[in-house]
């Protein structure tokens, strides 16, 4: 069996999974039906791309591709916000679309431009969905490392750290040294 086809199957699955997660965020979290519909359309277009690869196989379509030859996924952790979830799944989908675009040049040239167009539409939809998320700009600032939160509340500072703050400052000018020391434990 040609290992390229396992690679193609894995990337089709990655696109489908990434789009589905973002579609669910659009539909159920930000409740933006238009974005959810656009993502569903994109996901359904993937079926055409998948069929195009299948019909181009020399060894008989999907019979030549076996899901059991796809290596298991590694577990991913550290996603503590909607921003991180959408970002990771958009990256998953766009990276896989880029891979499909490259392999389509060999196995399904008729879908190369379609794969590229899907990737660019995914970039647009990622931005549109992400800008609707709560705390979007704060998350962006954390991502870029330009937020430096100050607070006298440890709980508040931990909230910032959990969302990506790289530097924080416990600033308490009214408490005694003992209380401030206890806060840092």
Foldseek 3Di string as FASTA:
>chain_A
DDVVQLLLVVLLVLQLVLLVVLLCCCCPPLNPVVLNVVSVVLNVVSVVLQQLLQVQDPVHGPVVYDNVVRDDDDDDDLDQFPLSSNVVSLCSNLVSLVVSLVCCVPRRVVCNVVSVVSSVVSVVSSVVSLVSGPCSVVLVCLVVQNDEEEECDLVVVVVSVSSRHPHYYNDDPPDDPVVSVVSVD
